[in-house]
Protein backbone atom coordinates (compact mmCIF):
# COMPACT_ATOMS: atom_id res chain seq x y z
CA MET A 1 83.53 98.82 90.72
CA PRO A 2 84.35 102.40 90.87
CA VAL A 3 87.95 103.17 90.02
CA SER A 4 88.57 104.86 93.49
CA ASP A 5 87.13 101.74 95.17
CA ARG A 6 89.55 99.58 93.15
CA CYS A 7 92.52 102.00 93.99
CA ALA A 8 91.56 101.44 97.69
CA GLN A 9 91.42 97.63 97.29
CA ILE A 10 94.82 97.55 95.52
CA GLY A 11 96.36 99.59 98.34
CA GLU A 12 95.10 97.28 101.04
CA GLU A 13 96.34 94.28 98.91
CA ILE A 14 99.80 95.77 98.94
CA ARG A 15 99.72 96.53 102.71
CA ASP A 16 98.34 92.98 103.35
CA ALA A 17 101.03 91.41 101.38
CA LEU A 18 103.77 93.23 103.02
CA HIS A 19 102.43 92.19 106.35
CA GLU A 20 102.31 88.48 105.28
CA LEU A 21 106.16 88.78 104.42
CA ALA A 22 106.83 89.87 108.09
CA MET A 23 110.04 91.54 107.24
CA LEU A 24 112.05 92.56 110.25
CA HIS A 25 112.80 96.17 110.86
CA ALA A 26 114.46 96.88 113.97
CA GLN A 27 114.04 100.61 113.60
CA ASN A 28 110.33 100.58 113.58
CA PRO A 29 109.45 100.42 117.18
CA PRO A 30 105.67 99.93 117.02
CA SER A 31 105.71 96.57 115.17
CA ARG A 32 109.62 95.82 114.45
CA LEU A 33 108.29 95.02 110.73
CA VAL A 34 108.64 96.72 107.49
CA THR A 35 105.39 98.75 106.84
CA VAL A 36 104.14 100.90 104.01
CA SER A 37 102.17 104.26 103.76
CA LEU A 38 100.41 104.68 100.42
CA GLY A 39 98.97 107.55 98.64
CA ALA A 40 96.94 107.38 95.44
CA ALA A 41 94.62 109.68 93.50
CA THR A 42 92.23 108.91 90.72
CA GLY A 43 90.33 110.92 88.20
CA LEU A 44 88.56 110.77 85.03
CA PRO A 45 89.65 113.23 82.22
CA SER A 46 85.91 114.44 81.97
CA GLN A 47 85.87 115.13 85.57
CA THR A 48 89.20 116.60 86.29
CA SER A 49 92.15 118.31 84.94
CA THR A 50 94.00 116.31 82.46
CA ASP A 51 97.22 117.92 83.99
CA ARG A 52 99.48 115.18 85.15
CA ASN A 53 101.20 117.38 87.72
CA ALA A 54 97.80 117.97 89.41
CA LEU A 55 97.26 114.13 89.62
CA VAL A 56 100.66 113.60 91.12
CA ALA A 57 100.04 116.38 93.52
CA ALA A 58 96.78 114.95 94.52
CA ALA A 59 98.54 111.59 95.08
CA ASP A 60 101.38 113.29 97.25
CA ARG A 61 98.65 114.94 99.34
CA ALA A 62 96.96 111.45 99.92
CA LEU A 63 100.29 109.97 100.86
CA TYR A 64 101.07 112.64 103.40
CA ALA A 65 97.41 112.52 104.88
CA ALA A 66 97.97 108.69 105.33
CA LYS A 67 101.40 109.23 106.87
CA ASP A 68 99.87 111.90 109.26
CA SER A 69 97.34 109.42 110.45
CA GLY A 70 99.92 107.12 111.53
CA ARG A 71 102.26 104.42 110.20
CA ASP A 72 101.27 101.78 107.93
CA ARG A 73 98.42 103.52 106.25
CA ALA A 74 96.79 104.09 103.01
CA GLY A 75 94.74 106.94 101.51
CA ASP A 76 93.54 108.39 98.21
CA VAL A 77 91.95 111.13 96.62
CA GLY A 78 89.36 110.31 94.23
CA PRO A 79 86.37 112.40 92.68
CA GLY A 80 85.32 114.05 95.96
CA ARG A 81 86.28 110.98 98.20
CA ALA A 82 88.99 109.95 100.58
CA TRP A 83 88.83 106.37 101.82
CA PRO A 84 89.76 105.17 105.40
CA ALA A 85 92.63 103.11 106.12
CA LYS A 86 92.93 100.06 108.20
CA SER A 87 94.51 100.35 111.44
CA ALA A 88 97.84 98.70 111.83
């Protein structure tokens, strides 16, 4: 399994686990539950810069892209690939 696919799978597992906990959050009007938005980035040293700051910046962009698409989302930036998030 490619690293970016595994990253997407882990992100969805985190979201699913949080959904199963069903922790109440009265300040979250859409669901009244605690939700999470995730961003991740992957890369191989031979394909991308080994600069850790660039990897963190890519993960940050993925997080804000997930947040911009709505609550309770996940997104990643891998080698030329972004993965879609499940709808809440």
